[in-house]
């Protein structure tokens, strides 16, 4: 729907177009992602685990955003760096961020997001 609102002719959805059960296909897709995203007019990031209800509570919202599973995917960094723009949506399709907003965030905010996203115990072996 958002692609239609933005008057885009084509849409590619990585979660629908990549068979993650085949490791060779997943590996090839991850290696090709930067190229895919760099040619995109815009990248939409849908964060299924960030909910609209918390938008009225900035501290909770920032924490939920930072702890989203989106940050644990193999190609999230490519989604952030490669496309001309990225628009980030909550599970209710509320726009909560963009590439410009992320680039102009204060260092303190970015440090908070980083620490919340990667606490030491989250990725312990």
PDB file of N, CA and C in Angstrom:
ATOM      1  N   UNK A   1       0.813  -1.186   0.000  1.00  0.00           N
ATOM      2  CA  UNK A   1       0.000   0.000   0.000  1.00  0.00           C
ATOM      3  C   UNK A   1       0.863   1.259   0.000  1.00  0.00           C
ATOM      4  N   UNK A   2       1.901   1.287   0.847  1.00  0.00           N
ATOM      5  CA  UNK A   2       2.760   2.469   0.912  1.00  0.00           C
ATOM      6  C   UNK A   2       3.447   2.723  -0.424  1.00  0.00           C
ATOM      7  N   UNK A   3       3.854   1.672  -1.115  1.00  0.00           N
ATOM      8  CA  UNK A   3       4.484   1.838  -2.429  1.00  0.00           C
ATOM      9  C   UNK A   3       3.504   2.471  -3.411  1.00  0.00           C
ATOM     10  N   UNK A   4       2.236   2.106  -3.329  1.00  0.00           N
ATOM     11  CA  UNK A   4       1.217   2.692  -4.192  1.00  0.00           C
ATOM     12  C   UNK A   4       1.032   4.171  -3.847  1.00  0.00           C
ATOM     13  N   UNK A   5       0.976   4.497  -2.549  1.00  0.00           N
ATOM     14  CA  UNK A   5       0.845   5.890  -2.104  1.00  0.00           C
ATOM     15  C   UNK A   5       2.029   6.713  -2.611  1.00  0.00           C
ATOM     16  N   UNK A   6       3.205   6.128  -2.607  1.00  0.00           N
ATOM     17  CA  UNK A   6       4.413   6.819  -3.057  1.00  0.00           C
ATOM     18  C   UNK A   6       4.612   6.752  -4.573  1.00  0.00           C
ATOM     19  N   UNK A   7       3.621   6.206  -5.277  1.00  0.00           N
ATOM     20  CA  UNK A   7       3.619   6.146  -6.737  1.00  0.00           C
ATOM     21  C   UNK A   7       4.818   5.374  -7.302  1.00  0.00           C
ATOM     22  N   UNK A   8       5.124   4.249  -6.676  1.00  0.00           N
ATOM     23  CA  UNK A   8       6.218   3.407  -7.150  1.00  0.00           C
ATOM     24  C   UNK A   8       5.660   2.314  -8.054  1.00  0.00           C
ATOM     25  N   UNK A   9       6.371   2.045  -9.122  1.00  0.00           N
ATOM     26  CA  UNK A   9       5.903   1.071 -10.105  1.00  0.00           C
ATOM     27  C   UNK A   9       6.233  -0.367  -9.711  1.00  0.00           C
ATOM     28  N   UNK A  10       7.383  -0.565  -9.045  1.00  0.00           N
ATOM     29  CA  UNK A  10       7.830  -1.906  -8.675  1.00  0.00           C
ATOM     30  C   UNK A  10       8.093  -1.990  -7.181  1.00  0.00           C
ATOM     31  N   UNK A  11       7.944  -3.190  -6.656  1.00  0.00           N
ATOM     32  CA  UNK A  11       8.172  -3.440  -5.242  1.00  0.00           C
ATOM     33  C   UNK A  11       8.868  -4.790  -5.098  1.00  0.00           C
ATOM     34  N   UNK A  12       9.908  -4.828  -4.295  1.00  0.00           N
ATOM     35  CA  UNK A  12      10.618  -6.075  -4.006  1.00  0.00           C
ATOM     36  C   UNK A  12      10.612  -6.242  -2.489  1.00  0.00           C
ATOM     37  N   UNK A  13      10.158  -7.365  -2.017  1.00  0.00           N
ATOM     38  CA  UNK A  13      10.048  -7.620  -0.582  1.00  0.00           C
ATOM     39  C   UNK A  13      11.001  -8.752  -0.217  1.00  0.00           C
ATOM     40  N   UNK A  14      12.040  -8.430   0.539  1.00  0.00           N
ATOM     41  CA  UNK A  14      13.050  -9.453   0.819  1.00  0.00           C
ATOM     42  C   UNK A  14      12.481 -10.643   1.577  1.00  0.00           C
ATOM     43  N   UNK A  15      11.545 -10.413   2.486  1.00  0.00           N
ATOM     44  CA  UNK A  15      11.003 -11.544   3.246  1.00  0.00           C
ATOM     45  C   UNK A  15      10.176 -12.487   2.384  1.00  0.00           C
ATOM     46  N   UNK A  16       9.685 -12.003   1.246  1.00  0.00           N
ATOM     47  CA  UNK A  16       8.913 -12.852   0.338  1.00  0.00           C
ATOM     48  C   UNK A  16       9.762 -13.407  -0.802  1.00  0.00           C
ATOM     49  N   UNK A  17      10.859 -12.758  -1.106  1.00  0.00           N
ATOM     50  CA  UNK A  17      11.644 -13.122  -2.287  1.00  0.00           C
ATOM     51  C   UNK A  17      12.881 -13.952  -1.976  1.00  0.00           C
ATOM     52  N   UNK A  18      13.150 -14.200  -0.716  1.00  0.00           N
ATOM     53  CA  UNK A  18      14.335 -14.978  -0.339  1.00  0.00           C
ATOM     54  C   UNK A  18      13.890 -16.208   0.438  1.00  0.00           C
ATOM     55  N   UNK A  19      14.288 -17.371  -0.031  1.00  0.00           N
ATOM     56  CA  UNK A  19      13.994 -18.613   0.681  1.00  0.00           C
ATOM     57  C   UNK A  19      15.112 -18.826   1.700  1.00  0.00           C
ATOM     58  N   UNK A  20      14.834 -18.489   2.948  1.00  0.00           N
ATOM     59  CA  UNK A  20      15.846 -18.565   4.002  1.00  0.00           C
ATOM     60  C   UNK A  20      16.170 -20.001   4.417  1.00  0.00           C
ATOM     61  N   UNK A  21      15.381 -20.965   3.954  1.00  0.00           N
ATOM     62  CA  UNK A  21      15.660 -22.356   4.304  1.00  0.00           C
ATOM     63  C   UNK A  21      16.768 -22.952   3.442  1.00  0.00           C
ATOM     64  N   UNK A  22      17.137 -22.267   2.373  1.00  0.00           N
ATOM     65  CA  UNK A  22      18.221 -22.726   1.495  1.00  0.00           C
ATOM     66  C   UNK A  22      19.418 -21.814   1.741  1.00  0.00           C
ATOM     67  N   UNK A  23      20.430 -22.312   2.426  1.00  0.00           N
ATOM     68  CA  UNK A  23      21.550 -21.470   2.847  1.00  0.00           C
ATOM     69  C   UNK A  23      22.284 -20.836   1.676  1.00  0.00           C
ATOM     70  N   UNK A  24      22.408 -21.544   0.563  1.00  0.00           N
ATOM     71  CA  UNK A  24      23.101 -20.972  -0.601  1.00  0.00           C
ATOM     72  C   UNK A  24      22.324 -19.771  -1.150  1.00  0.00           C
ATOM     73  N   UNK A  25      21.002 -19.894  -1.204  1.00  0.00           N
ATOM     74  CA  UNK A  25      20.181 -18.778  -1.690  1.00  0.00           C
ATOM     75  C   UNK A  25      20.252 -17.589  -0.733  1.00  0.00           C
ATOM     76  N   UNK A  26      20.204 -17.870   0.550  1.00  0.00           N
ATOM     77  CA  UNK A  26      20.292 -16.813   1.552  1.00  0.00           C
ATOM     78  C   UNK A  26      21.638 -16.105   1.456  1.00  0.00           C
ATOM     79  N   UNK A  27      22.706 -16.862   1.345  1.00  0.00           N
ATOM     80  CA  UNK A  27      24.049 -16.286   1.239  1.00  0.00           C
ATOM     81  C   UNK A  27      24.174 -15.416  -0.015  1.00  0.00           C
ATOM     82  N   UNK A  28      23.689 -15.923  -1.137  1.00  0.00           N
ATOM     83  CA  UNK A  28      23.746 -15.162  -2.388  1.00  0.00           C
ATOM     84  C   UNK A  28      22.925 -13.880  -2.276  1.00  0.00           C
ATOM     85  N   UNK A  29      21.756 -13.970  -1.659  1.00  0.00           N
ATOM     86  CA  UNK A  29      20.901 -12.795  -1.506  1.00  0.00           C
ATOM     87  C   UNK A  29      21.569 -11.739  -0.626  1.00  0.00           C
ATOM     88  N   UNK A  30      22.141 -12.161   0.486  1.00  0.00           N
ATOM     89  CA  UNK A  30      22.815 -11.217   1.376  1.00  0.00           C
ATOM     90  C   UNK A  30      23.975 -10.538   0.649  1.00  0.00           C
ATOM     91  N   UNK A  31      24.718 -11.308  -0.142  1.00  0.00           N
ATOM     92  CA  UNK A  31      25.830 -10.732  -0.895  1.00  0.00           C
ATOM     93  C   UNK A  31      25.370  -9.766  -1.980  1.00  0.00           C
ATOM     94  N   UNK A  32      24.126  -9.893  -2.431  1.00  0.00           N
ATOM     95  CA  UNK A  32      23.591  -9.025  -3.484  1.00  0.00           C
ATOM     96  C   UNK A  32      22.794  -7.846  -2.941  1.00  0.00           C
ATOM     97  N   UNK A  33      22.496  -7.868  -1.665  1.00  0.00           N
ATOM     98  CA  UNK A  33      21.606  -6.862  -1.080  1.00  0.00           C
ATOM     99  C   UNK A  33      22.075  -5.426  -1.300  1.00  0.00           C
ATOM    100  N   UNK A  34      23.339  -5.155  -1.111  1.00  0.00           N
ATOM    101  CA  UNK A  34      23.807  -3.778  -1.244  1.00  0.00           C
ATOM    102  C   UNK A  34      23.491  -3.251  -2.637  1.00  0.00           C
ATOM    103  N   UNK A  35      23.718  -4.071  -3.631  1.00  0.00           N
ATOM    104  CA  UNK A  35      23.416  -3.682  -5.008  1.00  0.00           C
ATOM    105  C   UNK A  35      21.920  -3.436  -5.190  1.00  0.00           C
ATOM    106  N   UNK A  36      21.088  -4.323  -4.652  1.00  0.00           N
ATOM    107  CA  UNK A  36      19.635  -4.155  -4.750  1.00  0.00           C
ATOM    108  C   UNK A  36      19.209  -2.843  -4.109  1.00  0.00           C
ATOM    109  N   UNK A  37      19.650  -2.634  -2.871  1.00  0.00           N
ATOM    110  CA  UNK A  37      19.222  -1.456  -2.127  1.00  0.00           C
ATOM    111  C   UNK A  37      19.775  -0.162  -2.715  1.00  0.00           C
ATOM    112  N   UNK A  38      20.979  -0.188  -3.254  1.00  0.00           N
ATOM    113  CA  UNK A  38      21.564   1.045  -3.802  1.00  0.00           C
ATOM    114  C   UNK A  38      20.823   1.529  -5.048  1.00  0.00           C
ATOM    115  N   UNK A  39      20.123   0.611  -5.723  1.00  0.00           N
ATOM    116  CA  UNK A  39      19.340   1.001  -6.904  1.00  0.00           C
ATOM    117  C   UNK A  39      17.895   1.341  -6.573  1.00  0.00           C
ATOM    118  N   UNK A  40      17.504   1.180  -5.327  1.00  0.00           N
ATOM    119  CA  UNK A  40      16.125   1.445  -4.923  1.00  0.00           C
ATOM    120  C   UNK A  40      15.890   2.941  -4.725  1.00  0.00           C
ATOM    121  N   UNK A  41      14.714   3.383  -5.097  1.00  0.00           N
ATOM    122  CA  UNK A  41      14.334   4.771  -4.850  1.00  0.00           C
ATOM    123  C   UNK A  41      14.157   4.998  -3.349  1.00  0.00           C
ATOM    124  N   UNK A  42      13.580   4.002  -2.691  1.00  0.00           N
ATOM    125  CA  UNK A  42      13.353   4.067  -1.255  1.00  0.00           C
ATOM    126  C   UNK A  42      13.307   2.644  -0.702  1.00  0.00           C
ATOM    127  N   UNK A  43      13.673   2.507   0.540  1.00  0.00           N
ATOM    128  CA  UNK A  43      13.584   1.224   1.236  1.00  0.00           C
ATOM    129  C   UNK A  43      12.633   1.422   2.410  1.00  0.00           C
ATOM    130  N   UNK A  44      11.656   0.558   2.523  1.00  0.00           N
ATOM    131  CA  UNK A  44      10.741   0.585   3.654  1.00  0.00           C
ATOM    132  C   UNK A  44      11.183  -0.477   4.653  1.00  0.00           C
ATOM    133  N   UNK A  45      11.348  -0.068   5.880  1.00  0.00           N
ATOM    134  CA  UNK A  45      11.660  -1.015   6.949  1.00  0.00           C
ATOM    135  C   UNK A  45      10.428  -1.116   7.847  1.00  0.00           C
ATOM    136  N   UNK A  46       9.827  -2.291   7.860  1.00  0.00           N
ATOM    137  CA  UNK A  46       8.636  -2.548   8.656  1.00  0.00           C
ATOM    138  C   UNK A  46       9.058  -3.286   9.912  1.00  0.00           C
ATOM    139  N   UNK A  47       8.944  -2.636  11.047  1.00  0.00           N
ATOM    140  CA  UNK A  47       9.367  -3.225  12.313  1.00  0.00           C
ATOM    141  C   UNK A  47       8.149  -3.823  13.009  1.00  0.00           C
ATOM    142  N   UNK A  48       7.940  -5.107  12.786  1.00  0.00           N
ATOM    143  CA  UNK A  48       6.758  -5.795  13.306  1.00  0.00           C
ATOM    144  C   UNK A  48       6.684  -5.799  14.826  1.00  0.00           C
ATOM    145  N   UNK A  49       7.807  -5.594  15.483  1.00  0.00           N
ATOM    146  CA  UNK A  49       7.836  -5.659  16.943  1.00  0.00           C
ATOM    147  C   UNK A  49       7.933  -4.287  17.607  1.00  0.00           C
ATOM    148  N   UNK A  50       7.702  -3.218  16.860  1.00  0.00           N
ATOM    149  CA  UNK A  50       7.617  -1.865  17.416  1.00  0.00           C
ATOM    150  C   UNK A  50       6.176  -1.413  17.213  1.00  0.00           C
ATOM    151  N   UNK A  51       5.496  -1.146  18.310  1.00  0.00           N
ATOM    152  CA  UNK A  51       4.054  -0.925  18.259  1.00  0.00           C
ATOM    153  C   UNK A  51       3.689   0.548  18.414  1.00  0.00           C
ATOM    154  N   UNK A  52       2.596   0.959  17.772  1.00  0.00           N
ATOM    155  CA  UNK A  52       2.141   2.345  17.803  1.00  0.00           C
ATOM    156  C   UNK A  52       1.809   2.827  19.203  1.00  0.00           C
ATOM    157  N   UNK A  53       1.325   1.946  20.040  1.00  0.00           N
ATOM    158  CA  UNK A  53       0.837   2.335  21.365  1.00  0.00           C
ATOM    159  C   UNK A  53       1.909   3.042  22.183  1.00  0.00           C
ATOM    160  N   UNK A  54       3.166   2.748  21.928  1.00  0.00           N
ATOM    161  CA  UNK A  54       4.233   3.317  22.740  1.00  0.00           C
ATOM    162  C   UNK A  54       4.737   4.662  22.202  1.00  0.00           C
ATOM    163  N   UNK A  55       4.164   5.170  21.124  1.00  0.00           N
ATOM    164  CA  UNK A  55       4.641   6.420  20.543  1.00  0.00           C
ATOM    165  C   UNK A  55       4.472   7.606  21.486  1.00  0.00           C
ATOM    166  N   UNK A  56       3.528   7.514  22.416  1.00  0.00           N
ATOM    167  CA  UNK A  56       3.317   8.591  23.384  1.00  0.00           C
ATOM    168  C   UNK A  56       4.337   8.567  24.517  1.00  0.00           C
ATOM    169  N   UNK A  57       5.191   7.551  24.553  1.00  0.00           N
ATOM    170  CA  UNK A  57       6.179   7.404  25.611  1.00  0.00           C
ATOM    171  C   UNK A  57       7.573   7.309  24.972  1.00  0.00           C
ATOM    172  N   UNK A  58       8.214   8.460  24.753  1.00  0.00           N
ATOM    173  CA  UNK A  58       9.480   8.478  23.996  1.00  0.00           C
ATOM    174  C   UNK A  58      10.560   7.529  24.499  1.00  0.00           C
ATOM    175  N   UNK A  59      10.722   7.398  25.820  1.00  0.00           N
ATOM    176  CA  UNK A  59      11.771   6.504  26.334  1.00  0.00           C
ATOM    177  C   UNK A  59      11.460   5.050  26.006  1.00  0.00           C
ATOM    178  N   UNK A  60      10.207   4.661  26.183  1.00  0.00           N
ATOM    179  CA  UNK A  60       9.792   3.287  25.864  1.00  0.00           C
ATOM    180  C   UNK A  60       9.906   3.063  24.369  1.00  0.00           C
ATOM    181  N   UNK A  61       9.479   4.055  23.589  1.00  0.00           N
ATOM    182  CA  UNK A  61       9.539   3.951  22.130  1.00  0.00           C
ATOM    183  C   UNK A  61      10.982   3.755  21.665  1.00  0.00           C
ATOM    184  N   UNK A  62      11.895   4.578  22.172  1.00  0.00           N
ATOM    185  CA  UNK A  62      13.299   4.472  21.766  1.00  0.00           C
ATOM    186  C   UNK A  62      13.870   3.104  22.135  1.00  0.00           C
ATOM    187  N   UNK A  63      13.517   2.604  23.305  1.00  0.00           N
ATOM    188  CA  UNK A  63      14.010   1.299  23.736  1.00  0.00           C
ATOM    189  C   UNK A  63      13.437   0.193  22.851  1.00  0.00           C
ATOM    190  N   UNK A  64      12.132   0.242  22.580  1.00  0.00           N
ATOM    191  CA  UNK A  64      11.515  -0.791  21.748  1.00  0.00           C
ATOM    192  C   UNK A  64      12.096  -0.750  20.331  1.00  0.00           C
ATOM    193  N   UNK A  65      12.313   0.442  19.805  1.00  0.00           N
ATOM    194  CA  UNK A  65      12.930   0.589  18.486  1.00  0.00           C
ATOM    195  C   UNK A  65      14.327  -0.026  18.496  1.00  0.00           C
ATOM    196  N   UNK A  66      15.108   0.334  19.489  1.00  0.00           N
ATOM    197  CA  UNK A  66      16.489  -0.136  19.556  1.00  0.00           C
ATOM    198  C   UNK A  66      16.587  -1.645  19.759  1.00  0.00           C
ATOM    199  N   UNK A  67      15.575  -2.238  20.385  1.00  0.00           N
ATOM    200  CA  UNK A  67      15.602  -3.674  20.634  1.00  0.00           C
ATOM    201  C   UNK A  67      14.841  -4.472  19.585  1.00  0.00           C
ATOM    202  N   UNK A  68      14.445  -3.831  18.505  1.00  0.00           N
ATOM    203  CA  UNK A  68      13.714  -4.517  17.452  1.00  0.00           C
ATOM    204  C   UNK A  68      14.565  -5.629  16.827  1.00  0.00           C
ATOM    205  N   UNK A  69      13.909  -6.709  16.460  1.00  0.00           N
ATOM    206  CA  UNK A  69      14.598  -7.811  15.765  1.00  0.00           C
ATOM    207  C   UNK A  69      15.205  -7.354  14.448  1.00  0.00           C
ATOM    208  N   UNK A  70      14.725  -6.260  13.919  1.00  0.00           N
ATOM    209  CA  UNK A  70      15.243  -5.723  12.658  1.00  0.00           C
ATOM    210  C   UNK A  70      16.754  -5.515  12.730  1.00  0.00           C
ATOM    211  N   UNK A  71      17.249  -5.112  13.898  1.00  0.00           N
ATOM    212  CA  UNK A  71      18.682  -4.855  14.059  1.00  0.00           C
ATOM    213  C   UNK A  71      19.516  -6.132  14.084  1.00  0.00           C
ATOM    214  N   UNK A  72      18.883  -7.292  14.192  1.00  0.00           N
ATOM    215  CA  UNK A  72      19.632  -8.548  14.262  1.00  0.00           C
ATOM    216  C   UNK A  72      19.736  -9.259  12.923  1.00  0.00           C
ATOM    217  N   UNK A  73      19.108  -8.710  11.886  1.00  0.00           N
ATOM    218  CA  UNK A  73      19.117  -9.365  10.580  1.00  0.00           C
ATOM    219  C   UNK A  73      20.454  -9.127   9.871  1.00  0.00           C
ATOM    220  N   UNK A  74      20.804 -10.027   9.009  1.00  0.00           N
ATOM    221  CA  UNK A  74      22.090  -9.967   8.317  1.00  0.00           C
ATOM    222  C   UNK A  74      22.231  -8.820   7.341  1.00  0.00           C
ATOM    223  N   UNK A  75      21.138  -8.229   6.900  1.00  0.00           N
ATOM    224  CA  UNK A  75      21.242  -7.186   5.877  1.00  0.00           C
ATOM    225  C   UNK A  75      20.718  -5.833   6.342  1.00  0.00           C
ATOM    226  N   UNK A  76      20.488  -5.644   7.642  1.00  0.00           N
ATOM    227  CA  UNK A  76      20.003  -4.357   8.149  1.00  0.00           C
ATOM    228  C   UNK A  76      20.982  -3.237   7.841  1.00  0.00           C
ATOM    229  N   UNK A  77      22.268  -3.456   8.028  1.00  0.00           N
ATOM    230  CA  UNK A  77      23.250  -2.410   7.745  1.00  0.00           C
ATOM    231  C   UNK A  77      23.195  -1.999   6.280  1.00  0.00           C
ATOM    232  N   UNK A  78      23.031  -2.965   5.396  1.00  0.00           N
ATOM    233  CA  UNK A  78      22.916  -2.645   3.975  1.00  0.00           C
ATOM    234  C   UNK A  78      21.658  -1.818   3.697  1.00  0.00           C
ATOM    235  N   UNK A  79      20.567  -2.134   4.401  1.00  0.00           N
ATOM    236  CA  UNK A  79      19.331  -1.355   4.255  1.00  0.00           C
ATOM    237  C   UNK A  79      19.528   0.080   4.712  1.00  0.00           C
ATOM    238  N   UNK A  80      20.351   0.281   5.729  1.00  0.00           N
ATOM    239  CA  UNK A  80      20.595   1.629   6.231  1.00  0.00           C
ATOM    240  C   UNK A  80      21.530   2.433   5.334  1.00  0.00           C
ATOM    241  N   UNK A  81      22.532   1.784   4.780  1.00  0.00           N
ATOM    242  CA  UNK A  81      23.567   2.509   4.037  1.00  0.00           C
ATOM    243  C   UNK A  81      23.295   2.665   2.542  1.00  0.00           C
ATOM    244  N   UNK A  82      22.781   1.647   1.897  1.00  0.00           N
ATOM    245  CA  UNK A  82      22.741   1.625   0.435  1.00  0.00           C
ATOM    246  C   UNK A  82      21.646   2.463  -0.232  1.00  0.00           C
ATOM    247  N   UNK A  83      20.398   2.423   0.220  1.00  0.00           N
ATOM    248  CA  UNK A  83      19.360   3.132  -0.531  1.00  0.00           C
ATOM    249  C   UNK A  83      19.465   4.653  -0.381  1.00  0.00           C
ATOM    250  N   UNK A  84      18.871   5.348  -1.334  1.00  0.00           N
ATOM    251  CA  UNK A  84      18.837   6.810  -1.273  1.00  0.00           C
ATOM    252  C   UNK A  84      18.076   7.265  -0.034  1.00  0.00           C
ATOM    253  N   UNK A  85      17.025   6.533   0.306  1.00  0.00           N
ATOM    254  CA  UNK A  85      16.236   6.851   1.488  1.00  0.00           C
ATOM    255  C   UNK A  85      15.706   5.565   2.101  1.00  0.00           C
ATOM    256  N   UNK A  86      15.492   5.599   3.382  1.00  0.00           N
ATOM    257  CA  UNK A  86      14.842   4.502   4.094  1.00  0.00           C
ATOM    258  C   UNK A  86      13.766   5.133   4.965  1.00  0.00           C
ATOM    259  N   UNK A  87      12.603   4.540   4.959  1.00  0.00           N
ATOM    260  CA  UNK A  87      11.511   4.997   5.803  1.00  0.00           C
ATOM    261  C   UNK A  87      11.167   3.843   6.735  1.00  0.00           C
ATOM    262  N   UNK A  88      11.142   4.139   8.014  1.00  0.00           N
ATOM    263  CA  UNK A  88      10.932   3.105   9.030  1.00  0.00           C
ATOM    264  C   UNK A  88       9.511   3.219   9.575  1.00  0.00           C
ATOM    265  N   UNK A  89       8.816   2.071   9.599  1.00  0.00           N
ATOM    266  CA  UNK A  89       7.430   2.016  10.041  1.00  0.00           C
ATOM    267  C   UNK A  89       7.273   1.089  11.240  1.00  0.00           C
ATOM    268  N   UNK A  90       6.277   1.403  12.076  1.00  0.00           N
ATOM    269  CA  UNK A  90       5.896   0.526  13.177  1.00  0.00           C
ATOM    270  C   UNK A  90       5.029  -0.602  12.639  1.00  0.00           C
ATOM    271  N   UNK A  91       4.609  -1.478  13.540  1.00  0.00           N
ATOM    272  CA  UNK A  91       3.736  -2.585  13.148  1.00  0.00           C
ATOM    273  C   UNK A  91       2.378  -2.097  12.645  1.00  0.00           C
ATOM    274  N   UNK A  92       2.003  -0.869  12.989  1.00  0.00           N
ATOM    275  CA  UNK A  92       0.751  -0.289  12.508  1.00  0.00           C
ATOM    276  C   UNK A  92       0.940   0.616  11.304  1.00  0.00           C
ATOM    277  N   UNK A  93       2.100   0.541  10.674  1.00  0.00           N
ATOM    278  CA  UNK A  93       2.450   1.343   9.501  1.00  0.00           C
ATOM    279  C   UNK A  93       2.482   2.844   9.790  1.00  0.00           C
ATOM    280  N   UNK A  94       2.879   3.205  11.026  1.00  0.00           N
ATOM    281  CA  UNK A  94       3.106   4.596  11.371  1.00  0.00           C
ATOM    282  C   UNK A  94       4.571   4.897  11.100  1.00  0.00           C
ATOM    283  N   UNK A  95       4.820   5.952  10.344  1.00  0.00           N
ATOM    284  CA  UNK A  95       6.195   6.326  10.011  1.00  0.00           C
ATOM    285  C   UNK A  95       6.877   6.872  11.266  1.00  0.00           C
ATOM    286  N   UNK A  96       8.011   6.270  11.624  1.00  0.00           N
ATOM    287  CA  UNK A  96       8.726   6.703  12.827  1.00  0.00           C
ATOM    288  C   UNK A  96      10.143   7.164  12.545  1.00  0.00           C
ATOM    289  N   UNK A  97      10.589   7.060  11.312  1.00  0.00           N
ATOM    290  CA  UNK A  97      11.952   7.484  11.030  1.00  0.00           C
ATOM    291  C   UNK A  97      12.276   7.444   9.563  1.00  0.00           C
ATOM    292  N   UNK A  98      13.421   8.020   9.239  1.00  0.00           N
ATOM    293  CA  UNK A  98      13.920   8.037   7.863  1.00  0.00           C
ATOM    294  C   UNK A  98      15.442   8.104   7.915  1.00  0.00           C
ATOM    295  N   UNK A  99      16.060   7.974   6.766  1.00  0.00           N
ATOM    296  CA  UNK A  99      17.520   8.045   6.699  1.00  0.00           C
ATOM    297  C   UNK A  99      17.999   9.415   7.168  1.00  0.00           C
ATOM    298  N   UNK A 100      17.318  10.463   6.725  1.00  0.00           N
ATOM    299  CA  UNK A 100      17.693  11.818   7.135  1.00  0.00           C
ATOM    300  C   UNK A 100      17.606  11.992   8.646  1.00  0.00           C
ATOM    301  N   UNK A 101      16.519  11.478   9.233  1.00  0.00           N
ATOM    302  CA  UNK A 101      16.338  11.591  10.677  1.00  0.00           C
ATOM    303  C   UNK A 101      17.429  10.835  11.414  1.00  0.00           C
ATOM    304  N   UNK A 102      17.755   9.635  10.952  1.00  0.00           N
ATOM    305  CA  UNK A 102      18.809   8.858  11.599  1.00  0.00           C
ATOM    306  C   UNK A 102      20.169   9.549  11.465  1.00  0.00           C
ATOM    307  N   UNK A 103      20.422  10.188  10.318  1.00  0.00           N
ATOM    308  CA  UNK A 103      21.701  10.861  10.109  1.00  0.00           C
ATOM    309  C   UNK A 103      21.836  12.125  10.942  1.00  0.00           C
ATOM    310  N   UNK A 104      20.717  12.769  11.281  1.00  0.00           N
ATOM    311  CA  UNK A 104      20.784  14.010  12.049  1.00  0.00           C
ATOM    312  C   UNK A 104      20.556  13.795  13.539  1.00  0.00           C
ATOM    313  N   UNK A 105      20.368  12.539  13.946  1.00  0.00           N
ATOM    314  CA  UNK A 105      20.189  12.255  15.369  1.00  0.00           C
ATOM    315  C   UNK A 105      21.445  12.632  16.130  1.00  0.00           C
ATOM    316  N   UNK A 106      21.256  13.042  17.353  1.00  0.00           N
ATOM    317  CA  UNK A 106      22.404  13.419  18.165  1.00  0.00           C
ATOM    318  C   UNK A 106      23.241  12.197  18.494  1.00  0.00           C
ATOM    319  N   UNK A 107      24.494  12.405  18.785  1.00  0.00           N
ATOM    320  CA  UNK A 107      25.399  11.317  19.144  1.00  0.00           C
ATOM    321  C   UNK A 107      24.883  10.594  20.381  1.00  0.00           C
ATOM    322  N   UNK A 108      24.322  11.328  21.327  1.00  0.00           N
ATOM    323  CA  UNK A 108      23.793  10.705  22.540  1.00  0.00           C
ATOM    324  C   UNK A 108      22.659   9.742  22.195  1.00  0.00           C
ATOM    325  N   UNK A 109      21.768  10.148  21.280  1.00  0.00           N
ATOM    326  CA  UNK A 109      20.660   9.275  20.878  1.00  0.00           C
ATOM    327  C   UNK A 109      21.183   8.029  20.191  1.00  0.00           C
ATOM    328  N   UNK A 110      22.159   8.197  19.317  1.00  0.00           N
ATOM    329  CA  UNK A 110      22.724   7.053  18.614  1.00  0.00           C
ATOM    330  C   UNK A 110      23.430   6.109  19.578  1.00  0.00           C
ATOM    331  N   UNK A 111      24.125   6.667  20.556  1.00  0.00           N
ATOM    332  CA  UNK A 111      24.790   5.827  21.550  1.00  0.00           C
ATOM    333  C   UNK A 111      23.751   5.046  22.350  1.00  0.00           C
ATOM    334  N   UNK A 112      22.641   5.696  22.732  1.00  0.00           N
ATOM    335  CA  UNK A 112      21.570   5.020  23.457  1.00  0.00           C
ATOM    336  C   UNK A 112      21.007   3.874  22.626  1.00  0.00           C
ATOM    337  N   UNK A 113      20.726   4.145  21.338  1.00  0.00           N
ATOM    338  CA  UNK A 113      20.180   3.114  20.467  1.00  0.00           C
ATOM    339  C   UNK A 113      21.153   1.950  20.323  1.00  0.00           C
ATOM    340  N   UNK A 114      22.426   2.248  20.189  1.00  0.00           N
ATOM    341  CA  UNK A 114      23.425   1.195  20.045  1.00  0.00           C
ATOM    342  C   UNK A 114      23.485   0.327  21.298  1.00  0.00           C
ATOM    343  N   UNK A 115      23.548   0.958  22.458  1.00  0.00           N
ATOM    344  CA  UNK A 115      23.638   0.205  23.714  1.00  0.00           C
ATOM    345  C   UNK A 115      22.381  -0.627  23.958  1.00  0.00           C
ATOM    346  N   UNK A 116      21.219  -0.073  23.616  1.00  0.00           N
ATOM    347  CA  UNK A 116      19.977  -0.820  23.813  1.00  0.00           C
ATOM    348  C   UNK A 116      19.870  -1.970  22.812  1.00  0.00           C
ATOM    349  N   UNK A 117      20.420  -1.772  21.618  1.00  0.00           N
ATOM    350  CA  UNK A 117      20.338  -2.798  20.582  1.00  0.00           C
ATOM    351  C   UNK A 117      21.284  -3.961  20.831  1.00  0.00           C
ATOM    352  N   UNK A 118      22.419  -3.687  21.414  1.00  0.00           N
ATOM    353  CA  UNK A 118      23.435  -4.714  21.555  1.00  0.00           C
ATOM    354  C   UNK A 118      23.934  -4.844  23.000  1.00  0.00           C
ATOM    355  N   UNK A 119      23.015  -5.129  23.942  1.00  0.00           N
ATOM    356  CA  UNK A 119      23.491  -5.363  25.306  1.00  0.00           C
ATOM    357  C   UNK A 119      24.362  -6.615  25.327  1.00  0.00           C
ATOM    358  N   UNK A 120      25.332  -6.678  26.229  1.00  0.00           N
ATOM    359  CA  UNK A 120      26.263  -7.802  26.257  1.00  0.00           C
ATOM    360  C   UNK A 120      25.593  -9.177  26.315  1.00  0.00           C
ATOM    361  N   UNK A 121      24.485  -9.314  27.025  1.00  0.00           N
ATOM    362  CA  UNK A 121      23.867 -10.618  27.177  1.00  0.00           C
ATOM    363  C   UNK A 121      23.011 -11.017  25.977  1.00  0.00           C
ATOM    364  N   UNK A 122      22.690 -10.080  25.103  1.00  0.00           N
ATOM    365  CA  UNK A 122      21.804 -10.390  23.973  1.00  0.00           C
ATOM    366  C   UNK A 122      22.465 -11.327  22.973  1.00  0.00           C
ATOM    367  N   UNK A 123      23.778 -11.215  22.818  1.00  0.00           N
ATOM    368  CA  UNK A 123      24.461 -12.021  21.805  1.00  0.00           C
ATOM    369  C   UNK A 123      25.493 -12.957  22.421  1.00  0.00           C
ATOM    370  N   UNK A 124      25.321 -13.242  23.685  1.00  0.00           N
ATOM    371  CA  UNK A 124      26.261 -14.163  24.352  1.00  0.00           C
ATOM    372  C   UNK A 124      26.104 -15.567  23.782  1.00  0.00           C
ATOM    373  N   UNK A 125      27.208 -16.282  23.717  1.00  0.00           N
ATOM    374  CA  UNK A 125      27.197 -17.636  23.156  1.00  0.00           C
ATOM    375  C   UNK A 125      26.519 -18.623  24.058  1.00  0.00           C
TER     376      UNK A 125
END
